[in-house]
C-alpha atoms as a PDB file:
ATOM      1  CA  MET A   1     -47.683 -28.210  18.671  1.00  0.00           C
ATOM      2  CA  PRO A   2     -50.111 -28.380  15.698  1.00  0.00           C
ATOM      3  CA  TYR A   3     -48.867 -25.104  14.193  1.00  0.00           C
ATOM      4  CA  PRO A   4     -45.552 -24.054  12.579  1.00  0.00           C
ATOM      5  CA  PRO A   5     -42.543 -22.697  14.476  1.00  0.00           C
ATOM      6  CA  GLY A   6     -42.396 -18.943  14.979  1.00  0.00           C
ATOM      7  CA  ALA A   7     -46.117 -18.284  15.421  1.00  0.00           C
ATOM      8  CA  SER A   8     -47.592 -16.859  18.631  1.00  0.00           C
ATOM      9  CA  THR A   9     -48.916 -20.296  19.545  1.00  0.00           C
ATOM     10  CA  ASP A  10     -45.424 -21.728  19.296  1.00  0.00           C
ATOM     11  CA  THR A  11     -43.964 -18.922  21.416  1.00  0.00           C
ATOM     12  CA  VAL A  12     -46.522 -19.458  24.175  1.00  0.00           C
ATOM     13  CA  ALA A  13     -45.954 -23.210  24.194  1.00  0.00           C
ATOM     14  CA  ARG A  14     -42.208 -22.817  24.595  1.00  0.00           C
ATOM     15  CA  GLU A  15     -42.520 -20.215  27.357  1.00  0.00           C
ATOM     16  CA  VAL A  16     -44.763 -22.482  29.414  1.00  0.00           C
ATOM     17  CA  VAL A  17     -42.962 -25.779  28.879  1.00  0.00           C
ATOM     18  CA  ASN A  18     -39.604 -24.224  29.684  1.00  0.00           C
ATOM     19  CA  ARG A  19     -41.031 -23.323  33.073  1.00  0.00           C
ATOM     20  CA  LEU A  20     -42.566 -26.807  33.398  1.00  0.00           C
ATOM     21  CA  SER A  21     -39.161 -28.351  32.805  1.00  0.00           C
ATOM     22  CA  GLN A  22     -37.768 -26.303  35.692  1.00  0.00           C
ATOM     23  CA  ASP A  23     -40.679 -27.003  38.042  1.00  0.00           C
ATOM     24  CA  LEU A  24     -41.027 -30.728  37.388  1.00  0.00           C
ATOM     25  CA  GLY A  25     -37.432 -31.681  36.671  1.00  0.00           C
ATOM     26  CA  GLN A  26     -38.505 -33.278  33.380  1.00  0.00           C
ATOM     27  CA  GLN A  27     -37.341 -32.251  29.922  1.00  0.00           C
ATOM     28  CA  PHE A  28     -40.269 -31.191  27.744  1.00  0.00           C
ATOM     29  CA  ILE A  29     -39.879 -31.243  23.961  1.00  0.00           C
ATOM     30  CA  VAL A  30     -42.022 -29.085  21.655  1.00  0.00           C
ATOM     31  CA  GLU A  31     -42.715 -30.995  18.441  1.00  0.00           C
ATOM     32  CA  ASN A  32     -44.304 -28.981  15.626  1.00  0.00           C
ATOM     33  CA  ARG A  33     -46.749 -30.930  13.466  1.00  0.00           C
ATOM     34  CA  PRO A  34     -48.678 -28.324  11.424  1.00  0.00           C
ATOM     35  CA  GLY A  35     -51.419 -28.934   8.904  1.00  0.00           C
ATOM     36  CA  ALA A  36     -55.190 -29.008   8.349  1.00  0.00           C
ATOM     37  CA  GLY A  37     -55.853 -26.015  10.592  1.00  0.00           C
ATOM     38  CA  GLY A  38     -54.266 -27.696  13.591  1.00  0.00           C
ATOM     39  CA  GLN A  39     -55.967 -31.051  13.091  1.00  0.00           C
ATOM     40  CA  THR A  40     -52.909 -33.038  12.002  1.00  0.00           C
ATOM     41  CA  GLY A  41     -50.940 -32.560  15.218  1.00  0.00           C
ATOM     42  CA  SER A  42     -54.060 -32.692  17.374  1.00  0.00           C
ATOM     43  CA  ALA A  43     -55.027 -36.072  15.932  1.00  0.00           C
ATOM     44  CA  THR A  44     -51.593 -37.420  16.872  1.00  0.00           C
ATOM     45  CA  VAL A  45     -52.206 -36.514  20.518  1.00  0.00           C
ATOM     46  CA  ALA A  46     -55.756 -37.898  20.412  1.00  0.00           C
ATOM     47  CA  ARG A  47     -54.299 -41.302  19.488  1.00  0.00           C
ATOM     48  CA  SER A  48     -51.609 -41.213  22.193  1.00  0.00           C
ATOM     49  CA  ASP A  49     -51.619 -43.023  25.524  1.00  0.00           C
ATOM     50  CA  PRO A  50     -53.329 -40.964  28.278  1.00  0.00           C
ATOM     51  CA  ASP A  51     -50.281 -41.164  30.543  1.00  0.00           C
ATOM     52  CA  GLY A  52     -49.509 -37.437  30.722  1.00  0.00           C
ATOM     53  CA  TYR A  53     -46.385 -37.686  28.584  1.00  0.00           C
ATOM     54  CA  THR A  54     -47.956 -36.482  25.325  1.00  0.00           C
ATOM     55  CA  LEU A  55     -49.795 -33.165  25.548  1.00  0.00           C
ATOM     56  CA  LEU A  56     -51.135 -30.591  23.112  1.00  0.00           C
ATOM     57  CA  LEU A  57     -51.501 -26.847  22.744  1.00  0.00           C
ATOM     58  CA  GLY A  58     -54.774 -26.304  20.872  1.00  0.00           C
ATOM     59  CA  THR A  59     -57.063 -23.407  20.029  1.00  0.00           C
ATOM     60  CA  ASN A  60     -60.786 -22.990  19.583  1.00  0.00           C
ATOM     61  CA  GLY A  61     -59.983 -23.429  15.893  1.00  0.00           C
ATOM     62  CA  SER A  62     -58.507 -26.890  16.306  1.00  0.00           C
ATOM     63  CA  HIS A  63     -60.976 -27.770  19.075  1.00  0.00           C
ATOM     64  CA  GLY A  64     -64.524 -27.067  18.031  1.00  0.00           C
ATOM     65  CA  LEU A  65     -64.578 -24.667  15.119  1.00  0.00           C
ATOM     66  CA  GLY A  66     -62.723 -26.917  12.675  1.00  0.00           C
ATOM     67  CA  GLN A  67     -65.233 -29.688  13.267  1.00  0.00           C
ATOM     68  CA  LEU A  68     -68.148 -27.351  12.563  1.00  0.00           C
ATOM     69  CA  VAL A  69     -66.765 -26.114   9.240  1.00  0.00           C
ATOM     70  CA  ASN A  70     -65.151 -29.242   7.790  1.00  0.00           C
ATOM     71  CA  GLU A  71     -67.337 -32.069   6.529  1.00  0.00           C
ATOM     72  CA  THR A  72     -64.816 -34.589   7.811  1.00  0.00           C
ATOM     73  CA  SER A  73     -62.739 -34.384  10.954  1.00  0.00           C
ATOM     74  CA  LEU A  74     -59.861 -36.425  12.335  1.00  0.00           C
ATOM     75  CA  TYR A  75     -61.260 -36.406  15.886  1.00  0.00           C
ATOM     76  CA  ASP A  76     -64.000 -35.179  18.206  1.00  0.00           C
ATOM     77  CA  ALA A  77     -62.909 -31.995  19.984  1.00  0.00           C
ATOM     78  CA  ILE A  78     -64.725 -32.904  23.201  1.00  0.00           C
ATOM     79  CA  ASP A  79     -64.715 -36.701  23.393  1.00  0.00           C
ATOM     80  CA  ASP A  80     -61.152 -37.400  22.193  1.00  0.00           C
ATOM     81  CA  PHE A  81     -59.282 -35.095  24.596  1.00  0.00           C
ATOM     82  CA  THR A  82     -58.875 -34.254  28.258  1.00  0.00           C
ATOM     83  CA  PRO A  83     -59.067 -30.454  28.696  1.00  0.00           C
ATOM     84  CA  LEU A  84     -56.369 -29.224  31.100  1.00  0.00           C
ATOM     85  CA  THR A  85     -56.361 -25.414  31.151  1.00  0.00           C
ATOM     86  CA  PRO A  86     -56.466 -22.407  28.844  1.00  0.00           C
ATOM     87  CA  VAL A  87     -53.192 -20.487  28.741  1.00  0.00           C
ATOM     88  CA  ALA A  88     -53.858 -17.294  26.798  1.00  0.00           C
ATOM     89  CA  ILE A  89     -56.377 -15.183  24.947  1.00  0.00           C
ATOM     90  CA  MET A  90     -54.986 -14.279  21.514  1.00  0.00           C
ATOM     91  CA  PRO A  91     -56.642 -11.257  19.876  1.00  0.00           C
ATOM     92  CA  VAL A  92     -56.893 -11.526  16.095  1.00  0.00           C
ATOM     93  CA  ALA A  93     -56.470  -8.587  13.727  1.00  0.00           C
ATOM     94  CA  LEU A  94     -57.253  -7.943  10.089  1.00  0.00           C
ATOM     95  CA  ALA A  95     -54.029  -6.631   8.576  1.00  0.00           C
ATOM     96  CA  ALA A  96     -53.525  -5.078   5.147  1.00  0.00           C
ATOM     97  CA  HIS A  97     -50.563  -4.385   2.910  1.00  0.00           C
ATOM     98  CA  PRO A  98     -49.810  -0.628   2.751  1.00  0.00           C
ATOM     99  CA  SER A  99     -50.835  -0.608  -0.916  1.00  0.00           C
ATOM    100  CA  VAL A 100     -54.465  -1.281   0.039  1.00  0.00           C
ATOM    101  CA  PRO A 101     -56.261   2.098  -0.281  1.00  0.00           C
ATOM    102  CA  ALA A 102     -58.315   1.696   2.884  1.00  0.00           C
ATOM    103  CA  ASP A 103     -57.542   2.327   6.545  1.00  0.00           C
ATOM    104  CA  ASP A 104     -60.806   1.354   8.196  1.00  0.00           C
ATOM    105  CA  PRO A 105     -63.476  -1.374   7.792  1.00  0.00           C
ATOM    106  CA  LYS A 106     -66.030   0.739   5.882  1.00  0.00           C
ATOM    107  CA  ALA A 107     -63.451   1.993   3.389  1.00  0.00           C
ATOM    108  CA  LEU A 108     -62.166  -1.562   2.970  1.00  0.00           C
ATOM    109  CA  VAL A 109     -65.656  -2.867   2.234  1.00  0.00           C
ATOM    110  CA  ASP A 110     -66.141  -0.157  -0.423  1.00  0.00           C
ATOM    111  CA  TRP A 111     -62.787  -1.010  -2.024  1.00  0.00           C
ATOM    112  CA  ILE A 112     -63.550  -4.736  -2.151  1.00  0.00           C
ATOM    113  CA  LYS A 113     -66.969  -4.125  -3.715  1.00  0.00           C
ATOM    114  CA  GLN A 114     -65.343  -2.066  -6.469  1.00  0.00           C
ATOM    115  CA  GLN A 115     -63.378  -5.106  -7.666  1.00  0.00           C
ATOM    116  CA  PRO A 116     -65.520  -8.197  -7.100  1.00  0.00           C
ATOM    117  CA  GLY A 117     -63.654 -11.478  -6.971  1.00  0.00           C
ATOM    118  CA  GLN A 118     -60.238  -9.792  -7.205  1.00  0.00           C
ATOM    119  CA  VAL A 119     -59.382  -9.463  -3.495  1.00  0.00           C
ATOM    120  CA  SER A 120     -58.065 -12.344  -1.383  1.00  0.00           C
ATOM    121  CA  TYR A 121     -57.428 -12.779   2.305  1.00  0.00           C
ATOM    122  CA  ALA A 122     -55.038 -15.178   4.035  1.00  0.00           C
ATOM    123  CA  THR A 123     -55.719 -17.245   7.144  1.00  0.00           C
ATOM    124  CA  ALA A 124     -54.057 -19.912   9.257  1.00  0.00           C
ATOM    125  CA  GLY A 125     -56.233 -22.558   7.613  1.00  0.00           C
ATOM    126  CA  VAL A 126     -59.749 -23.768   6.868  1.00  0.00           C
ATOM    127  CA  GLY A 127     -61.850 -23.951  10.011  1.00  0.00           C
ATOM    128  CA  SER A 128     -59.685 -21.522  11.980  1.00  0.00           C
ATOM    129  CA  PRO A 129     -61.149 -18.491  13.780  1.00  0.00           C
ATOM    130  CA  HIS A 130     -59.322 -16.439  11.138  1.00  0.00           C
ATOM    131  CA  HIS A 131     -61.337 -18.236   8.442  1.00  0.00           C
ATOM    132  CA  ILE A 132     -64.628 -17.558  10.206  1.00  0.00           C
ATOM    133  CA  ALA A 133     -63.627 -13.893  10.628  1.00  0.00           C
ATOM    134  CA  GLY A 134     -62.927 -13.651   6.905  1.00  0.00           C
ATOM    135  CA  GLU A 135     -66.145 -15.325   5.835  1.00  0.00           C
ATOM    136  CA  LEU A 136     -68.107 -13.094   8.180  1.00  0.00           C
ATOM    137  CA  LEU A 137     -66.478 -10.087   6.501  1.00  0.00           C
ATOM    138  CA  ASN A 138     -67.384 -11.668   3.162  1.00  0.00           C
ATOM    139  CA  LYS A 139     -71.026 -11.274   4.128  1.00  0.00           C
ATOM    140  CA  TYR A 140     -70.566  -7.485   4.164  1.00  0.00           C
ATOM    141  CA  VAL A 141     -69.116  -7.460   0.634  1.00  0.00           C
ATOM    142  CA  ASP A 142     -71.706  -9.772  -0.934  1.00  0.00           C
ATOM    143  CA  GLY A 143     -69.350 -12.758  -1.148  1.00  0.00           C
ATOM    144  CA  LYS A 144     -66.714 -11.001  -3.233  1.00  0.00           C
ATOM    145  CA  LEU A 145     -63.663 -12.062  -1.146  1.00  0.00           C
ATOM    146  CA  ASN A 146     -61.455 -15.074  -1.892  1.00  0.00           C
ATOM    147  CA  HIS A 147     -60.099 -17.229   0.945  1.00  0.00           C
ATOM    148  CA  VAL A 148     -56.483 -18.410   0.756  1.00  0.00           C
ATOM    149  CA  PRO A 149     -55.723 -20.856   3.609  1.00  0.00           C
ATOM    150  CA  TYR A 150     -52.128 -21.401   4.781  1.00  0.00           C
ATOM    151  CA  LYS A 151     -50.671 -24.010   7.123  1.00  0.00           C
ATOM    152  CA  GLY A 152     -49.898 -21.268   9.636  1.00  0.00           C
ATOM    153  CA  THR A 153     -49.233 -17.568   9.991  1.00  0.00           C
ATOM    154  CA  GLY A 154     -45.540 -17.610   9.067  1.00  0.00           C
ATOM    155  CA  GLN A 155     -45.923 -17.971   5.284  1.00  0.00           C
ATOM    156  CA  SER A 156     -49.068 -15.854   5.174  1.00  0.00           C
ATOM    157  CA  MET A 157     -47.177 -12.985   6.836  1.00  0.00           C
ATOM    158  CA  THR A 158     -44.324 -13.367   4.355  1.00  0.00           C
ATOM    159  CA  ASP A 159     -46.758 -13.116   1.446  1.00  0.00           C
ATOM    160  CA  LEU A 160     -48.645 -10.204   3.026  1.00  0.00           C
ATOM    161  CA  LEU A 161     -45.445  -8.250   3.681  1.00  0.00           C
ATOM    162  CA  GLY A 162     -44.328  -8.930   0.115  1.00  0.00           C
ATOM    163  CA  GLY A 163     -47.609  -7.668  -1.306  1.00  0.00           C
ATOM    164  CA  HIS A 164     -48.478 -11.061  -2.813  1.00  0.00           C
ATOM    165  CA  ILE A 165     -51.778 -11.030  -0.940  1.00  0.00           C
ATOM    166  CA  PRO A 166     -53.506  -7.819   0.219  1.00  0.00           C
ATOM    167  CA  LEU A 167     -55.224  -8.951   3.415  1.00  0.00           C
ATOM    168  CA  ALA A 168     -54.637 -11.422   6.227  1.00  0.00           C
ATOM    169  CA  PHE A 169     -56.225 -12.332   9.514  1.00  0.00           C
ATOM    170  CA  SER A 170     -53.516 -13.005  12.081  1.00  0.00           C
ATOM    171  CA  SER A 171     -52.832 -12.704  15.784  1.00  0.00           C
ATOM    172  CA  LEU A 172     -52.448  -9.143  16.993  1.00  0.00           C
ATOM    173  CA  SER A 173     -49.104 -10.024  18.552  1.00  0.00           C
ATOM    174  CA  THR A 174     -47.801 -11.125  15.140  1.00  0.00           C
ATOM    175  CA  VAL A 175     -48.842  -8.034  13.181  1.00  0.00           C
ATOM    176  CA  LEU A 176     -48.177  -5.310  15.770  1.00  0.00           C
ATOM    177  CA  PRO A 177     -44.408  -5.044  15.129  1.00  0.00           C
ATOM    178  CA  TYR A 178     -44.967  -4.745  11.358  1.00  0.00           C
ATOM    179  CA  ALA A 179     -47.660  -2.122  11.863  1.00  0.00           C
ATOM    180  CA  ALA A 180     -45.360  -0.152  14.154  1.00  0.00           C
ATOM    181  CA  ASP A 181     -42.749   0.288  11.419  1.00  0.00           C
ATOM    182  CA  GLY A 182     -45.266   0.890   8.641  1.00  0.00           C
ATOM    183  CA  ARG A 183     -44.796  -2.394   6.794  1.00  0.00           C
ATOM    184  CA  LEU A 184     -48.453  -3.304   7.431  1.00  0.00           C
ATOM    185  CA  LYS A 185     -51.571  -1.530   8.635  1.00  0.00           C
ATOM    186  CA  ILE A 186     -54.225  -2.897  10.954  1.00  0.00           C
ATOM    187  CA  ILE A 187     -57.834  -2.449   9.842  1.00  0.00           C
ATOM    188  CA  GLY A 188     -59.353  -3.693  13.108  1.00  0.00           C
ATOM    189  CA  LEU A 189     -59.817  -6.511  15.595  1.00  0.00           C
ATOM    190  CA  ILE A 190     -62.345  -9.303  15.149  1.00  0.00           C
ATOM    191  CA  GLU A 191     -63.422  -9.356  18.815  1.00  0.00           C
ATOM    192  CA  ASP A 192     -66.131  -7.138  20.307  1.00  0.00           C
ATOM    193  CA  GLU A 193     -63.787  -5.271  22.662  1.00  0.00           C
ATOM    194  CA  ARG A 194     -60.565  -3.319  22.278  1.00  0.00           C
ATOM    195  CA  GLN A 195     -57.525  -4.944  23.837  1.00  0.00           C
ATOM    196  CA  LYS A 196     -55.390  -3.731  26.733  1.00  0.00           C
ATOM    197  CA  ALA A 197     -52.271  -4.512  24.731  1.00  0.00           C
ATOM    198  CA  ALA A 198     -53.301  -2.035  22.017  1.00  0.00           C
ATOM    199  CA  PRO A 199     -56.219   0.143  23.198  1.00  0.00           C
ATOM    200  CA  LYS A 200     -56.019   2.509  20.215  1.00  0.00           C
ATOM    201  CA  ILE A 201     -56.812  -0.242  17.692  1.00  0.00           C
ATOM    202  CA  PRO A 202     -60.589  -0.346  17.052  1.00  0.00           C
ATOM    203  CA  THR A 203     -62.700  -3.415  16.527  1.00  0.00           C
ATOM    204  CA  ILE A 204     -64.182  -4.107  13.101  1.00  0.00           C
ATOM    205  CA  GLY A 205     -67.604  -4.170  14.712  1.00  0.00           C
ATOM    206  CA  GLU A 206     -67.303  -0.521  15.674  1.00  0.00           C
ATOM    207  CA  GLU A 207     -67.973   0.309  12.007  1.00  0.00           C
ATOM    208  CA  LEU A 208     -69.619  -2.868  10.684  1.00  0.00           C
ATOM    209  CA  GLN A 209     -72.704  -3.483  12.783  1.00  0.00           C
ATOM    210  CA  GLY A 210     -73.048  -7.067  13.999  1.00  0.00           C
ATOM    211  CA  TYR A 211     -69.459  -8.056  13.232  1.00  0.00           C
ATOM    212  CA  ARG A 212     -68.057 -10.121  16.107  1.00  0.00           C
ATOM    213  CA  VAL A 213     -66.097 -13.357  16.398  1.00  0.00           C
ATOM    214  CA  PRO A 214     -65.447 -15.055  19.783  1.00  0.00           C
ATOM    215  CA  GLY A 215     -61.968 -14.396  21.128  1.00  0.00           C
ATOM    216  CA  THR A 216     -59.325 -16.935  20.204  1.00  0.00           C
ATOM    217  CA  TRP A 217     -57.894 -18.874  23.132  1.00  0.00           C
ATOM    218  CA  LEU A 218     -54.921 -21.182  23.441  1.00  0.00           C
ATOM    219  CA  GLY A 219     -55.185 -24.139  25.777  1.00  0.00           C
ATOM    220  CA  PHE A 220     -53.512 -27.348  26.837  1.00  0.00           C
ATOM    221  CA  PHE A 221     -55.017 -30.800  26.345  1.00  0.00           C
ATOM    222  CA  GLY A 222     -54.157 -34.426  26.929  1.00  0.00           C
ATOM    223  CA  PRO A 223     -55.636 -37.484  25.234  1.00  0.00           C
ATOM    224  CA  ALA A 224     -59.031 -38.678  26.410  1.00  0.00           C
ATOM    225  CA  GLY A 225     -58.962 -41.077  29.336  1.00  0.00           C
ATOM    226  CA  MET A 226     -56.460 -39.348  31.609  1.00  0.00           C
ATOM    227  CA  SER A 227     -57.269 -40.301  35.196  1.00  0.00           C
ATOM    228  CA  PRO A 228     -58.772 -37.623  37.467  1.00  0.00           C
ATOM    229  CA  ASP A 229     -55.672 -37.624  39.694  1.00  0.00           C
ATOM    230  CA  LEU A 230     -53.304 -37.261  36.747  1.00  0.00           C
ATOM    231  CA  THR A 231     -55.494 -34.557  35.203  1.00  0.00           C
ATOM    232  CA  LYS A 232     -55.448 -32.611  38.467  1.00  0.00           C
ATOM    233  CA  THR A 233     -51.668 -32.962  38.800  1.00  0.00           C
ATOM    234  CA  VAL A 234     -50.936 -31.822  35.238  1.00  0.00           C
ATOM    235  CA  ASN A 235     -53.475 -28.992  35.478  1.00  0.00           C
ATOM    236  CA  GLN A 236     -51.829 -27.667  38.640  1.00  0.00           C
ATOM    237  CA  ALA A 237     -48.397 -27.837  37.047  1.00  0.00           C
ATOM    238  CA  PHE A 238     -49.613 -25.835  34.064  1.00  0.00           C
ATOM    239  CA  VAL A 239     -51.438 -23.283  36.227  1.00  0.00           C
ATOM    240  CA  ASN A 240     -48.331 -22.786  38.373  1.00  0.00           C
ATOM    241  CA  ALA A 241     -46.241 -22.193  35.259  1.00  0.00           C
ATOM    242  CA  ILE A 242     -48.748 -19.864  33.580  1.00  0.00           C
ATOM    243  CA  THR A 243     -49.294 -17.729  36.687  1.00  0.00           C
ATOM    244  CA  SER A 244     -45.603 -17.428  37.503  1.00  0.00           C
ATOM    245  CA  PRO A 245     -44.588 -13.763  37.075  1.00  0.00           C
ATOM    246  CA  GLU A 246     -41.934 -14.437  34.459  1.00  0.00           C
ATOM    247  CA  VAL A 247     -44.224 -16.480  32.187  1.00  0.00           C
ATOM    248  CA  SER A 248     -47.386 -14.397  32.589  1.00  0.00           C
ATOM    249  CA  GLN A 249     -45.475 -11.173  31.958  1.00  0.00           C
ATOM    250  CA  ARG A 250     -43.908 -12.571  28.797  1.00  0.00           C
ATOM    251  CA  ILE A 251     -47.284 -13.760  27.503  1.00  0.00           C
ATOM    252  CA  ASP A 252     -48.910 -10.399  28.262  1.00  0.00           C
ATOM    253  CA  GLY A 253     -45.929  -8.541  26.831  1.00  0.00           C
ATOM    254  CA  ALA A 254     -46.332 -10.419  23.538  1.00  0.00           C
ATOM    255  CA  GLY A 255     -49.771  -8.906  22.996  1.00  0.00           C
ATOM    256  CA  LEU A 256     -51.711 -11.806  24.483  1.00  0.00           C
ATOM    257  CA  GLN A 257     -53.476 -12.215  27.826  1.00  0.00           C
ATOM    258  CA  ALA A 258     -52.387 -14.989  30.196  1.00  0.00           C
ATOM    259  CA  ILE A 259     -55.264 -16.984  31.710  1.00  0.00           C
ATOM    260  CA  SER A 260     -55.775 -20.331  33.439  1.00  0.00           C
ATOM    261  CA  SER A 261     -58.616 -22.347  34.931  1.00  0.00           C
ATOM    262  CA  THR A 262     -59.739 -25.756  36.145  1.00  0.00           C
ATOM    263  CA  PRO A 263     -60.313 -28.502  33.550  1.00  0.00           C
ATOM    264  CA  GLU A 264     -64.072 -28.262  34.165  1.00  0.00           C
ATOM    265  CA  GLU A 265     -64.143 -24.509  33.516  1.00  0.00           C
ATOM    266  CA  PHE A 266     -62.043 -24.961  30.398  1.00  0.00           C
ATOM    267  CA  GLU A 267     -64.411 -27.580  28.992  1.00  0.00           C
ATOM    268  CA  GLN A 268     -67.367 -25.280  29.597  1.00  0.00           C
ATOM    269  CA  ARG A 269     -65.590 -22.456  27.736  1.00  0.00           C
ATOM    270  CA  MET A 270     -65.064 -24.801  24.792  1.00  0.00           C
ATOM    271  CA  LYS A 271     -68.731 -25.794  24.667  1.00  0.00           C
ATOM    272  CA  SER A 272     -69.882 -22.184  24.937  1.00  0.00           C
ATOM    273  CA  ASP A 273     -67.640 -21.129  22.033  1.00  0.00           C
ATOM    274  CA  ILE A 274     -68.880 -24.012  19.894  1.00  0.00           C
ATOM    275  CA  GLU A 275     -72.460 -22.825  20.328  1.00  0.00           C
ATOM    276  CA  ALA A 276     -71.469 -19.245  19.448  1.00  0.00           C
ATOM    277  CA  PHE A 277     -69.613 -20.383  16.326  1.00  0.00           C
ATOM    278  CA  LYS A 278     -72.556 -22.529  15.243  1.00  0.00           C
ATOM    279  CA  LYS A 279     -74.734 -19.425  15.124  1.00  0.00           C
ATOM    280  CA  ILE A 280     -72.154 -17.378  13.188  1.00  0.00           C
ATOM    281  CA  ILE A 281     -71.661 -20.191  10.673  1.00  0.00           C
ATOM    282  CA  ALA A 282     -75.393 -20.633  10.157  1.00  0.00           C
ATOM    283  CA  ASP A 283     -76.137 -16.902   9.889  1.00  0.00           C
ATOM    284  CA  ALA A 284     -73.285 -16.238   7.464  1.00  0.00           C
ATOM    285  CA  GLY A 285     -73.718 -19.439   5.456  1.00  0.00           C
ATOM    286  CA  ILE A 286     -70.070 -20.361   5.975  1.00  0.00           C
ATOM    287  CA  THR A 287     -68.724 -23.521   4.358  1.00  0.00           C
ATOM    288  CA  ALA A 288     -65.297 -25.148   4.130  1.00  0.00           C
ATOM    289  CA  LYS A 289     -63.623 -23.304   1.263  1.00  0.00           C
END
């Protein structure tokens, strides 16, 4: 688990592996190894034996996007892993502290422009989809936003709730409870469509023309070199767990969307997202900062 405990990624991992333990009669252990936008823990799995006993929950931040943004990378997202299946789509929201005098994207852009270089936004790390979302927003304010990367969403949410940082990109499932009780407000979603889990929350692109970031997915991987038979066996075990009513309902109920696929379909999704992110990075002039 290349992200800290308590985040949506961690919750999904534990839901699925608990079911795997029941189905397979094997005890699964979730080991959190956060850092470098998910690369630290992912690199550990990349170096592991491809025997099916060491697996990874990654995202399109740790697998594709991070390698496009960072000049150096600890692994190759495609060549160093065996894709198994996606598990969830995780909508990402731009959240603001209540003290921010803006409730929608256009008003936020105007506010940021009034104080150039004074507004910062938090993300789950350099090279994460959150980072790309922030730098794309930076294009609309003439580069006046400051990026503050964290090792995960836990500390960034603590600082946002405490008013130590005014803005943060985080999973919708993480910020919804705080928005419900007024401790935060949601400016909009980074995707191009509203989400079933919260249909009243608009997308940022509804007001800022051309603003869109590919949806963040969570997915399971093994090290490169897993045999086709082993890959098929582990994939089927994951799919059975993900599609079980109790697990899928818990994932959906947390503000995410449960999904699964074959390894081949998952790899194609990865490659498609990489191409989409390449264009966003080039158009917005995004660098690792």
